[in-house]
């Protein structure tokens, strides 16, 4: 004896179960004008309106979204058969609400309708904004490294999205566009204000992103002296001697460190002084720290390569 086959529930019964049991906001509306035929409790609750007040109304005449926004859903359905993951920002009780809309055409009692599921993204956006705010606060508090975030537009000068106090000190009123031109060409460069020295470099971002990040690391004088000595017409041994002499080592100490005689150290020092244009040891560190490259822009104490 064969058992009776189990009859599947009519499609509309299935939709009703899905409609009422899901925690997501859902509506059924007429395809032609968006009139609500039904709305579940989740939708009514999120809209702050009783379900009975929603039925017979439209999202546009209730002021939740505009006709142009609804046309985005209509065009997506006409083009793709469904409207999938469409973000629309409307207003509910005067407050902005960001929703992710997924609409699919259905037929009920021979009438064309839309079944729409709406995910509220407002809380997610608030969380994202909060996290971004935390990030910017953290970048603001950094000491010793300048951070600049720039929106790049080919038709206009770079637009500074964020800059911390350390970066402002490093730039010292220098145009950010000049710095970017050098970084795009050279990869990194050095900046000098009245009291400090910075190594500036650009951090790679996604090629499609308009956001560029520049870091400016404040350098101790000793590191900067080493870097600047590379730009002078000195032999490798003379650079070693000049570095040690500029940071306070005596001729005897230099000789011991480099395994050479004190007389050799003195001879190196004479040639170093002559090459960089000083007459005594006490001028050495200041001369190196304030030295410029061969291509100098006047008036701002920074090299052409730096800017």
C-alpha atoms as a PDB file:
ATOM      1  CA  UNK A   1       0.000   0.000   0.000  1.00  0.00           C
ATOM      2  CA  UNK A   2       1.456   3.271  -1.118  1.00  0.00           C
ATOM      3  CA  UNK A   3       1.400   6.219   1.200  1.00  0.00           C
ATOM      4  CA  UNK A   4      -0.080   9.458   0.059  1.00  0.00           C
ATOM      5  CA  UNK A   5       2.567  11.845  -1.216  1.00  0.00           C
ATOM      6  CA  UNK A   6       3.216  14.817   1.038  1.00  0.00           C
ATOM      7  CA  UNK A   7       1.755  17.916  -0.484  1.00  0.00           C
ATOM      8  CA  UNK A   8       4.056  20.914  -0.519  1.00  0.00           C
ATOM      9  CA  UNK A   9       2.730  24.125   0.886  1.00  0.00           C
ATOM     10  CA  UNK A  10       1.553  26.673  -1.658  1.00  0.00           C
ATOM     11  CA  UNK A  11       4.244  29.233  -2.481  1.00  0.00           C
ATOM     12  CA  UNK A  12       2.336  32.021  -0.774  1.00  0.00           C
ATOM     13  CA  UNK A  13       2.074  30.005   2.459  1.00  0.00           C
ATOM     14  CA  UNK A  14       5.817  29.506   2.400  1.00  0.00           C
ATOM     15  CA  UNK A  15       6.395  33.225   1.821  1.00  0.00           C
ATOM     16  CA  UNK A  16       4.079  34.049   4.725  1.00  0.00           C
ATOM     17  CA  UNK A  17       6.055  31.797   7.087  1.00  0.00           C
ATOM     18  CA  UNK A  18       9.330  33.298   5.914  1.00  0.00           C
ATOM     19  CA  UNK A  19       7.817  36.767   6.095  1.00  0.00           C
ATOM     20  CA  UNK A  20       6.649  36.527   9.712  1.00  0.00           C
ATOM     21  CA  UNK A  21       9.441  34.436  11.216  1.00  0.00           C
ATOM     22  CA  UNK A  22      12.487  36.279   9.918  1.00  0.00           C
ATOM     23  CA  UNK A  23      14.087  38.893  12.197  1.00  0.00           C
ATOM     24  CA  UNK A  24      14.917  40.990   9.135  1.00  0.00           C
ATOM     25  CA  UNK A  25      12.622  43.798   8.091  1.00  0.00           C
ATOM     26  CA  UNK A  26      10.486  42.615   5.157  1.00  0.00           C
ATOM     27  CA  UNK A  27       7.765  44.151   3.031  1.00  0.00           C
ATOM     28  CA  UNK A  28       5.492  43.116   0.178  1.00  0.00           C
ATOM     29  CA  UNK A  29       4.582  45.965  -2.147  1.00  0.00           C
ATOM     30  CA  UNK A  30       2.907  46.476  -5.508  1.00  0.00           C
ATOM     31  CA  UNK A  31       5.478  46.576  -8.299  1.00  0.00           C
ATOM     32  CA  UNK A  32       3.744  49.392 -10.164  1.00  0.00           C
ATOM     33  CA  UNK A  33       3.833  52.074  -7.465  1.00  0.00           C
ATOM     34  CA  UNK A  34       5.334  50.601  -4.302  1.00  0.00           C
ATOM     35  CA  UNK A  35       2.146  50.525  -2.249  1.00  0.00           C
ATOM     36  CA  UNK A  36       2.669  48.332   0.798  1.00  0.00           C
ATOM     37  CA  UNK A  37       0.490  45.235   0.776  1.00  0.00           C
ATOM     38  CA  UNK A  38       2.016  43.908   3.951  1.00  0.00           C
ATOM     39  CA  UNK A  39       4.932  44.496   6.322  1.00  0.00           C
ATOM     40  CA  UNK A  40       6.285  42.307   9.080  1.00  0.00           C
ATOM     41  CA  UNK A  41       6.697  43.377  12.680  1.00  0.00           C
ATOM     42  CA  UNK A  42      10.458  43.790  12.315  1.00  0.00           C
ATOM     43  CA  UNK A  43       9.923  46.388   9.612  1.00  0.00           C
ATOM     44  CA  UNK A  44       7.217  48.206  11.564  1.00  0.00           C
ATOM     45  CA  UNK A  45       9.419  48.288  14.648  1.00  0.00           C
ATOM     46  CA  UNK A  46      12.430  49.625  12.755  1.00  0.00           C
ATOM     47  CA  UNK A  47      10.273  52.318  11.158  1.00  0.00           C
ATOM     48  CA  UNK A  48       8.679  53.263  14.463  1.00  0.00           C
ATOM     49  CA  UNK A  49       5.163  52.997  12.997  1.00  0.00           C
ATOM     50  CA  UNK A  50       2.314  50.545  13.662  1.00  0.00           C
ATOM     51  CA  UNK A  51       1.958  47.897  10.954  1.00  0.00           C
ATOM     52  CA  UNK A  52      -1.626  48.931  10.255  1.00  0.00           C
ATOM     53  CA  UNK A  53      -0.457  52.449   9.404  1.00  0.00           C
ATOM     54  CA  UNK A  54       2.019  51.138   6.819  1.00  0.00           C
ATOM     55  CA  UNK A  55      -0.343  49.020   4.708  1.00  0.00           C
ATOM     56  CA  UNK A  56      -1.783  51.063   1.843  1.00  0.00           C
ATOM     57  CA  UNK A  57       1.009  53.643   2.019  1.00  0.00           C
ATOM     58  CA  UNK A  58       4.274  53.869   0.053  1.00  0.00           C
ATOM     59  CA  UNK A  59       7.802  54.479   1.223  1.00  0.00           C
ATOM     60  CA  UNK A  60       7.920  57.704  -0.767  1.00  0.00           C
ATOM     61  CA  UNK A  61       4.723  59.311   0.537  1.00  0.00           C
ATOM     62  CA  UNK A  62       5.792  58.386   4.058  1.00  0.00           C
ATOM     63  CA  UNK A  63       9.072  60.218   3.372  1.00  0.00           C
ATOM     64  CA  UNK A  64      11.350  57.251   3.993  1.00  0.00           C
ATOM     65  CA  UNK A  65      13.003  57.319   0.562  1.00  0.00           C
ATOM     66  CA  UNK A  66      12.636  59.519  -2.513  1.00  0.00           C
ATOM     67  CA  UNK A  67      11.190  58.629  -5.916  1.00  0.00           C
ATOM     68  CA  UNK A  68      14.704  58.751  -7.357  1.00  0.00           C
ATOM     69  CA  UNK A  69      15.897  56.251  -4.760  1.00  0.00           C
ATOM     70  CA  UNK A  70      13.007  53.907  -5.529  1.00  0.00           C
ATOM     71  CA  UNK A  71      13.867  54.161  -9.227  1.00  0.00           C
ATOM     72  CA  UNK A  72      17.283  52.715  -8.378  1.00  0.00           C
ATOM     73  CA  UNK A  73      15.532  49.551  -7.176  1.00  0.00           C
ATOM     74  CA  UNK A  74      13.204  49.544 -10.203  1.00  0.00           C
ATOM     75  CA  UNK A  75      16.072  49.900 -12.665  1.00  0.00           C
ATOM     76  CA  UNK A  76      18.035  47.117 -10.947  1.00  0.00           C
ATOM     77  CA  UNK A  77      15.050  44.744 -11.189  1.00  0.00           C
ATOM     78  CA  UNK A  78      14.429  45.644 -14.840  1.00  0.00           C
ATOM     79  CA  UNK A  79      18.093  45.077 -15.661  1.00  0.00           C
ATOM     80  CA  UNK A  80      18.993  42.074 -13.517  1.00  0.00           C
ATOM     81  CA  UNK A  81      15.643  40.531 -12.544  1.00  0.00           C
ATOM     82  CA  UNK A  82      16.339  41.389  -8.889  1.00  0.00           C
ATOM     83  CA  UNK A  83      17.659  44.318  -6.877  1.00  0.00           C
ATOM     84  CA  UNK A  84      20.602  42.899  -4.973  1.00  0.00           C
ATOM     85  CA  UNK A  85      22.459  44.604  -2.105  1.00  0.00           C
ATOM     86  CA  UNK A  86      21.394  48.149  -2.983  1.00  0.00           C
ATOM     87  CA  UNK A  87      22.355  50.701  -0.321  1.00  0.00           C
ATOM     88  CA  UNK A  88      19.866  53.524   0.165  1.00  0.00           C
ATOM     89  CA  UNK A  89      19.908  56.186   2.856  1.00  0.00           C
ATOM     90  CA  UNK A  90      16.487  57.331   3.942  1.00  0.00           C
ATOM     91  CA  UNK A  91      14.976  59.138   6.888  1.00  0.00           C
ATOM     92  CA  UNK A  92      12.903  57.689   9.685  1.00  0.00           C
ATOM     93  CA  UNK A  93      11.355  60.115  12.146  1.00  0.00           C
ATOM     94  CA  UNK A  94      13.759  62.762  10.907  1.00  0.00           C
ATOM     95  CA  UNK A  95      16.865  60.632  11.513  1.00  0.00           C
ATOM     96  CA  UNK A  96      19.026  59.121   8.755  1.00  0.00           C
ATOM     97  CA  UNK A  97      18.761  55.375   8.265  1.00  0.00           C
ATOM     98  CA  UNK A  98      21.052  53.426   5.958  1.00  0.00           C
ATOM     99  CA  UNK A  99      19.433  50.303   4.560  1.00  0.00           C
ATOM    100  CA  UNK A 100      20.665  47.428   2.423  1.00  0.00           C
ATOM    101  CA  UNK A 101      17.796  46.531   0.077  1.00  0.00           C
ATOM    102  CA  UNK A 102      17.250  43.164  -1.609  1.00  0.00           C
ATOM    103  CA  UNK A 103      14.075  42.997  -3.707  1.00  0.00           C
ATOM    104  CA  UNK A 104      12.738  40.174  -5.844  1.00  0.00           C
ATOM    105  CA  UNK A 105       9.556  40.139  -7.989  1.00  0.00           C
ATOM    106  CA  UNK A 106       6.777  37.785  -6.904  1.00  0.00           C
ATOM    107  CA  UNK A 107       3.212  37.212  -8.079  1.00  0.00           C
ATOM    108  CA  UNK A 108       0.352  36.991  -5.610  1.00  0.00           C
ATOM    109  CA  UNK A 109      -3.230  36.622  -6.829  1.00  0.00           C
ATOM    110  CA  UNK A 110      -1.984  37.434 -10.358  1.00  0.00           C
ATOM    111  CA  UNK A 111      -0.595  40.772  -9.201  1.00  0.00           C
ATOM    112  CA  UNK A 112       3.036  41.764  -9.721  1.00  0.00           C
ATOM    113  CA  UNK A 113       4.655  42.544  -6.389  1.00  0.00           C
ATOM    114  CA  UNK A 114       8.057  42.931  -4.762  1.00  0.00           C
ATOM    115  CA  UNK A 115       9.273  40.989  -1.781  1.00  0.00           C
ATOM    116  CA  UNK A 116      11.880  43.212  -0.144  1.00  0.00           C
ATOM    117  CA  UNK A 117      14.288  42.418   2.666  1.00  0.00           C
ATOM    118  CA  UNK A 118      15.936  45.420   4.343  1.00  0.00           C
ATOM    119  CA  UNK A 119      19.015  45.184   6.560  1.00  0.00           C
ATOM    120  CA  UNK A 120      19.638  48.182   8.786  1.00  0.00           C
ATOM    121  CA  UNK A 121      23.248  49.289   8.330  1.00  0.00           C
ATOM    122  CA  UNK A 122      22.988  52.428  10.458  1.00  0.00           C
ATOM    123  CA  UNK A 123      24.525  50.859  13.565  1.00  0.00           C
ATOM    124  CA  UNK A 124      27.293  49.339  11.457  1.00  0.00           C
ATOM    125  CA  UNK A 125      28.081  52.735   9.956  1.00  0.00           C
ATOM    126  CA  UNK A 126      28.154  54.292  13.427  1.00  0.00           C
ATOM    127  CA  UNK A 127      30.599  51.596  14.533  1.00  0.00           C
ATOM    128  CA  UNK A 128      32.751  52.210  11.467  1.00  0.00           C
ATOM    129  CA  UNK A 129      32.740  55.954  12.108  1.00  0.00           C
ATOM    130  CA  UNK A 130      33.636  55.327  15.748  1.00  0.00           C
ATOM    131  CA  UNK A 131      36.565  53.116  14.731  1.00  0.00           C
ATOM    132  CA  UNK A 132      37.754  55.732  12.229  1.00  0.00           C
ATOM    133  CA  UNK A 133      37.534  58.361  14.953  1.00  0.00           C
ATOM    134  CA  UNK A 134      39.613  56.177  17.272  1.00  0.00           C
ATOM    135  CA  UNK A 135      42.182  55.742  14.485  1.00  0.00           C
ATOM    136  CA  UNK A 136      42.440  59.475  13.840  1.00  0.00           C
ATOM    137  CA  UNK A 137      42.745  60.197  17.557  1.00  0.00           C
ATOM    138  CA  UNK A 138      45.542  57.644  17.792  1.00  0.00           C
ATOM    139  CA  UNK A 139      47.365  59.182  14.825  1.00  0.00           C
ATOM    140  CA  UNK A 140      46.933  62.640  16.342  1.00  0.00           C
ATOM    141  CA  UNK A 141      48.632  61.506  19.553  1.00  0.00           C
ATOM    142  CA  UNK A 142      51.730  60.079  17.836  1.00  0.00           C
ATOM    143  CA  UNK A 143      54.956  61.819  18.841  1.00  0.00           C
ATOM    144  CA  UNK A 144      58.059  61.626  16.674  1.00  0.00           C
ATOM    145  CA  UNK A 145      56.350  60.627  13.423  1.00  0.00           C
ATOM    146  CA  UNK A 146      54.358  62.954  11.212  1.00  0.00           C
ATOM    147  CA  UNK A 147      51.357  61.441   9.433  1.00  0.00           C
ATOM    148  CA  UNK A 148      49.580  63.009   6.466  1.00  0.00           C
ATOM    149  CA  UNK A 149      46.630  61.430   4.650  1.00  0.00           C
ATOM    150  CA  UNK A 150      45.943  62.984   1.268  1.00  0.00           C
ATOM    151  CA  UNK A 151      43.154  62.613  -1.253  1.00  0.00           C
ATOM    152  CA  UNK A 152      44.738  62.804  -4.698  1.00  0.00           C
ATOM    153  CA  UNK A 153      42.798  64.335  -7.558  1.00  0.00           C
ATOM    154  CA  UNK A 154      44.591  64.640 -10.869  1.00  0.00           C
ATOM    155  CA  UNK A 155      42.686  67.784 -11.794  1.00  0.00           C
ATOM    156  CA  UNK A 156      43.345  69.628  -8.518  1.00  0.00           C
ATOM    157  CA  UNK A 157      46.034  70.059  -5.899  1.00  0.00           C
ATOM    158  CA  UNK A 158      46.181  67.304  -3.234  1.00  0.00           C
ATOM    159  CA  UNK A 159      43.502  67.624  -0.572  1.00  0.00           C
ATOM    160  CA  UNK A 160      44.746  67.007   2.983  1.00  0.00           C
ATOM    161  CA  UNK A 161      42.313  64.614   4.676  1.00  0.00           C
ATOM    162  CA  UNK A 162      44.303  64.346   7.921  1.00  0.00           C
ATOM    163  CA  UNK A 163      47.528  65.796   9.307  1.00  0.00           C
ATOM    164  CA  UNK A 164      48.902  65.445  12.833  1.00  0.00           C
ATOM    165  CA  UNK A 165      50.902  68.054  14.760  1.00  0.00           C
ATOM    166  CA  UNK A 166      54.245  66.358  14.139  1.00  0.00           C
ATOM    167  CA  UNK A 167      53.667  66.541  10.370  1.00  0.00           C
ATOM    168  CA  UNK A 168      52.817  70.245  10.631  1.00  0.00           C
ATOM    169  CA  UNK A 169      56.144  70.847  12.391  1.00  0.00           C
ATOM    170  CA  UNK A 170      58.004  68.807   9.785  1.00  0.00           C
ATOM    171  CA  UNK A 171      56.446  70.628   6.845  1.00  0.00           C
ATOM    172  CA  UNK A 172      57.080  74.040   8.411  1.00  0.00           C
ATOM    173  CA  UNK A 173      54.660  75.805   6.001  1.00  0.00           C
ATOM    174  CA  UNK A 174      56.148  74.045   2.971  1.00  0.00           C
ATOM    175  CA  UNK A 175      53.595  73.162   0.229  1.00  0.00           C
ATOM    176  CA  UNK A 176      52.475  69.556   0.439  1.00  0.00           C
ATOM    177  CA  UNK A 177      52.283  69.369  -3.363  1.00  0.00           C
ATOM    178  CA  UNK A 178      56.035  70.028  -3.693  1.00  0.00           C
ATOM    179  CA  UNK A 179      56.778  67.292  -1.182  1.00  0.00           C
ATOM    180  CA  UNK A 180      54.526  64.832  -3.011  1.00  0.00           C
ATOM    181  CA  UNK A 181      56.221  65.601  -6.334  1.00  0.00           C
ATOM    182  CA  UNK A 182      59.606  64.690  -4.839  1.00  0.00           C
ATOM    183  CA  UNK A 183      58.294  61.561  -3.114  1.00  0.00           C
ATOM    184  CA  UNK A 184      56.643  60.306  -6.300  1.00  0.00           C
ATOM    185  CA  UNK A 185      59.929  60.849  -8.119  1.00  0.00           C
ATOM    186  CA  UNK A 186      62.484  59.791  -5.486  1.00  0.00           C
ATOM    187  CA  UNK A 187      60.557  57.535  -3.078  1.00  0.00           C
ATOM    188  CA  UNK A 188      61.860  59.346   0.016  1.00  0.00           C
ATOM    189  CA  UNK A 189      63.483  62.624   1.009  1.00  0.00           C
ATOM    190  CA  UNK A 190      64.595  64.700   3.996  1.00  0.00           C
ATOM    191  CA  UNK A 191      62.949  67.724   5.568  1.00  0.00           C
ATOM    192  CA  UNK A 192      64.508  70.221   7.915  1.00  0.00           C
ATOM    193  CA  UNK A 193      62.769  72.858  10.021  1.00  0.00           C
ATOM    194  CA  UNK A 194      64.453  75.214  12.465  1.00  0.00           C
ATOM    195  CA  UNK A 195      65.279  72.555  15.030  1.00  0.00           C
ATOM    196  CA  UNK A 196      64.543  69.036  13.708  1.00  0.00           C
ATOM    197  CA  UNK A 197      65.252  66.712  10.825  1.00  0.00           C
ATOM    198  CA  UNK A 198      62.755  64.323   9.239  1.00  0.00           C
ATOM    199  CA  UNK A 199      62.932  61.415   6.829  1.00  0.00           C
ATOM    200  CA  UNK A 200      59.793  61.500   4.680  1.00  0.00           C
ATOM    201  CA  UNK A 201      58.417  58.596   2.651  1.00  0.00           C
ATOM    202  CA  UNK A 202      55.146  57.625   1.013  1.00  0.00           C
ATOM    203  CA  UNK A 203      53.331  54.454   2.070  1.00  0.00           C
ATOM    204  CA  UNK A 204      51.958  52.358  -0.765  1.00  0.00           C
ATOM    205  CA  UNK A 205      48.180  52.028  -0.899  1.00  0.00           C
ATOM    206  CA  UNK A 206      45.807  50.279  -3.264  1.00  0.00           C
ATOM    207  CA  UNK A 207      46.421  51.660  -6.768  1.00  0.00           C
ATOM    208  CA  UNK A 208      42.727  52.361  -7.212  1.00  0.00           C
ATOM    209  CA  UNK A 209      42.541  54.274  -3.929  1.00  0.00           C
ATOM    210  CA  UNK A 210      42.694  58.090  -4.092  1.00  0.00           C
ATOM    211  CA  UNK A 211      44.172  58.109  -0.569  1.00  0.00           C
ATOM    212  CA  UNK A 212      47.936  58.509  -0.149  1.00  0.00           C
ATOM    213  CA  UNK A 213      49.791  58.326   3.184  1.00  0.00           C
ATOM    214  CA  UNK A 214      53.033  60.149   3.970  1.00  0.00           C
ATOM    215  CA  UNK A 215      55.115  59.385   7.059  1.00  0.00           C
ATOM    216  CA  UNK A 216      57.740  61.819   8.375  1.00  0.00           C
ATOM    217  CA  UNK A 217      60.041  60.266  10.965  1.00  0.00           C
ATOM    218  CA  UNK A 218      61.931  62.643  13.220  1.00  0.00           C
ATOM    219  CA  UNK A 219      65.604  61.679  13.149  1.00  0.00           C
ATOM    220  CA  UNK A 220      68.125  62.078  15.971  1.00  0.00           C
ATOM    221  CA  UNK A 221      70.984  64.403  15.066  1.00  0.00           C
ATOM    222  CA  UNK A 222      73.443  61.504  14.990  1.00  0.00           C
ATOM    223  CA  UNK A 223      71.471  59.619  12.326  1.00  0.00           C
ATOM    224  CA  UNK A 224      70.967  62.757  10.323  1.00  0.00           C
ATOM    225  CA  UNK A 225      74.709  63.523  10.435  1.00  0.00           C
ATOM    226  CA  UNK A 226      75.415  60.099   8.926  1.00  0.00           C
ATOM    227  CA  UNK A 227      72.914  60.723   6.144  1.00  0.00           C
ATOM    228  CA  UNK A 228      74.231  64.227   5.396  1.00  0.00           C
ATOM    229  CA  UNK A 229      77.845  63.062   5.310  1.00  0.00           C
ATOM    230  CA  UNK A 230      76.947  60.862   2.335  1.00  0.00           C
ATOM    231  CA  UNK A 231      76.294  64.051   0.379  1.00  0.00           C
ATOM    232  CA  UNK A 232      79.764  65.546   0.974  1.00  0.00           C
ATOM    233  CA  UNK A 233      82.801  64.933  -1.194  1.00  0.00           C
ATOM    234  CA  UNK A 234      84.523  62.827   1.441  1.00  0.00           C
ATOM    235  CA  UNK A 235      86.208  59.443   1.247  1.00  0.00           C
ATOM    236  CA  UNK A 236      84.594  56.593   3.248  1.00  0.00           C
ATOM    237  CA  UNK A 237      87.341  56.871   5.893  1.00  0.00           C
ATOM    238  CA  UNK A 238      86.892  60.651   6.113  1.00  0.00           C
ATOM    239  CA  UNK A 239      83.162  60.144   6.652  1.00  0.00           C
ATOM    240  CA  UNK A 240      83.912  57.798   9.542  1.00  0.00           C
ATOM    241  CA  UNK A 241      86.279  60.313  11.125  1.00  0.00           C
ATOM    242  CA  UNK A 242      83.906  63.251  10.514  1.00  0.00           C
ATOM    243  CA  UNK A 243      81.004  61.398  12.090  1.00  0.00           C
ATOM    244  CA  UNK A 244      82.897  60.438  15.246  1.00  0.00           C
ATOM    245  CA  UNK A 245      84.423  63.908  15.587  1.00  0.00           C
ATOM    246  CA  UNK A 246      81.049  65.632  15.140  1.00  0.00           C
ATOM    247  CA  UNK A 247      79.402  63.625  17.937  1.00  0.00           C
ATOM    248  CA  UNK A 248      82.157  64.407  20.440  1.00  0.00           C
ATOM    249  CA  UNK A 249      84.890  61.773  20.212  1.00  0.00           C
ATOM    250  CA  UNK A 250      88.490  62.946  20.705  1.00  0.00           C
ATOM    251  CA  UNK A 251      91.274  62.202  18.227  1.00  0.00           C
ATOM    252  CA  UNK A 252      92.610  59.463  20.522  1.00  0.00           C
ATOM    253  CA  UNK A 253      89.177  57.824  20.826  1.00  0.00           C
ATOM    254  CA  UNK A 254      88.663  58.017  17.067  1.00  0.00           C
ATOM    255  CA  UNK A 255      92.070  56.436  16.485  1.00  0.00           C
ATOM    256  CA  UNK A 256      91.235  53.582  18.857  1.00  0.00           C
ATOM    257  CA  UNK A 257      87.848  52.945  17.253  1.00  0.00           C
ATOM    258  CA  UNK A 258      89.154  52.986  13.677  1.00  0.00           C
ATOM    259  CA  UNK A 259      92.502  51.285  14.454  1.00  0.00           C
ATOM    260  CA  UNK A 260      94.543  54.136  13.030  1.00  0.00           C
ATOM    261  CA  UNK A 261      97.083  56.558  14.546  1.00  0.00           C
ATOM    262  CA  UNK A 262      96.205  59.918  16.040  1.00  0.00           C
ATOM    263  CA  UNK A 263      98.385  61.586  13.395  1.00  0.00           C
ATOM    264  CA  UNK A 264      96.271  59.984  10.681  1.00  0.00           C
ATOM    265  CA  UNK A 265      93.121  61.255  12.418  1.00  0.00           C
ATOM    266  CA  UNK A 266      94.562  64.803  12.485  1.00  0.00           C
ATOM    267  CA  UNK A 267      95.421  64.622   8.774  1.00  0.00           C
ATOM    268  CA  UNK A 268      91.892  63.428   7.968  1.00  0.00           C
ATOM    269  CA  UNK A 269      90.394  66.247  10.045  1.00  0.00           C
ATOM    270  CA  UNK A 270      92.404  68.904   8.166  1.00  0.00           C
ATOM    271  CA  UNK A 271      91.160  67.608   4.829  1.00  0.00           C
ATOM    272  CA  UNK A 272      87.578  67.317   6.157  1.00  0.00           C
ATOM    273  CA  UNK A 273      87.588  70.920   7.422  1.00  0.00           C
ATOM    274  CA  UNK A 274      88.921  72.136   4.088  1.00  0.00           C
ATOM    275  CA  UNK A 275      86.375  70.186   2.028  1.00  0.00           C
ATOM    276  CA  UNK A 276      83.301  71.280   3.992  1.00  0.00           C
ATOM    277  CA  UNK A 277      84.503  74.842   4.610  1.00  0.00           C
ATOM    278  CA  UNK A 278      85.193  75.199   8.335  1.00  0.00           C
ATOM    279  CA  UNK A 279      88.260  76.183  10.357  1.00  0.00           C
ATOM    280  CA  UNK A 280      87.801  74.384  13.679  1.00  0.00           C
ATOM    281  CA  UNK A 281      86.313  71.252  15.206  1.00  0.00           C
ATOM    282  CA  UNK A 282      83.534  73.023  17.135  1.00  0.00           C
ATOM    283  CA  UNK A 283      81.957  74.066  13.829  1.00  0.00           C
ATOM    284  CA  UNK A 284      81.820  70.529  12.448  1.00  0.00           C
ATOM    285  CA  UNK A 285      78.451  69.257  13.736  1.00  0.00           C
ATOM    286  CA  UNK A 286      76.634  72.527  13.038  1.00  0.00           C
ATOM    287  CA  UNK A 287      78.034  72.678   9.510  1.00  0.00           C
ATOM    288  CA  UNK A 288      76.993  69.122   8.716  1.00  0.00           C
ATOM    289  CA  UNK A 289      73.511  69.514  10.204  1.00  0.00           C
ATOM    290  CA  UNK A 290      72.836  72.750   8.339  1.00  0.00           C
ATOM    291  CA  UNK A 291      74.459  71.711   5.058  1.00  0.00           C
ATOM    292  CA  UNK A 292      72.390  71.771   1.903  1.00  0.00           C
ATOM    293  CA  UNK A 293      72.589  69.828  -1.287  1.00  0.00           C
ATOM    294  CA  UNK A 294      73.929  71.453  -4.432  1.00  0.00           C
ATOM    295  CA  UNK A 295      70.438  72.411  -5.631  1.00  0.00           C
ATOM    296  CA  UNK A 296      69.127  74.846  -3.051  1.00  0.00           C
ATOM    297  CA  UNK A 297      65.877  76.764  -2.839  1.00  0.00           C
ATOM    298  CA  UNK A 298      66.469  80.052  -1.140  1.00  0.00           C
ATOM    299  CA  UNK A 299      64.691  81.379   1.898  1.00  0.00           C
ATOM    300  CA  UNK A 300      63.350  78.288   3.644  1.00  0.00           C
ATOM    301  CA  UNK A 301      66.451  76.398   4.776  1.00  0.00           C
ATOM    302  CA  UNK A 302      65.486  73.292   2.817  1.00  0.00           C
ATOM    303  CA  UNK A 303      66.999  71.714  -0.258  1.00  0.00           C
ATOM    304  CA  UNK A 304      65.362  71.468  -3.619  1.00  0.00           C
ATOM    305  CA  UNK A 305      65.499  67.698  -3.288  1.00  0.00           C
ATOM    306  CA  UNK A 306      63.769  67.996   0.062  1.00  0.00           C
ATOM    307  CA  UNK A 307      60.929  69.952  -1.396  1.00  0.00           C
END
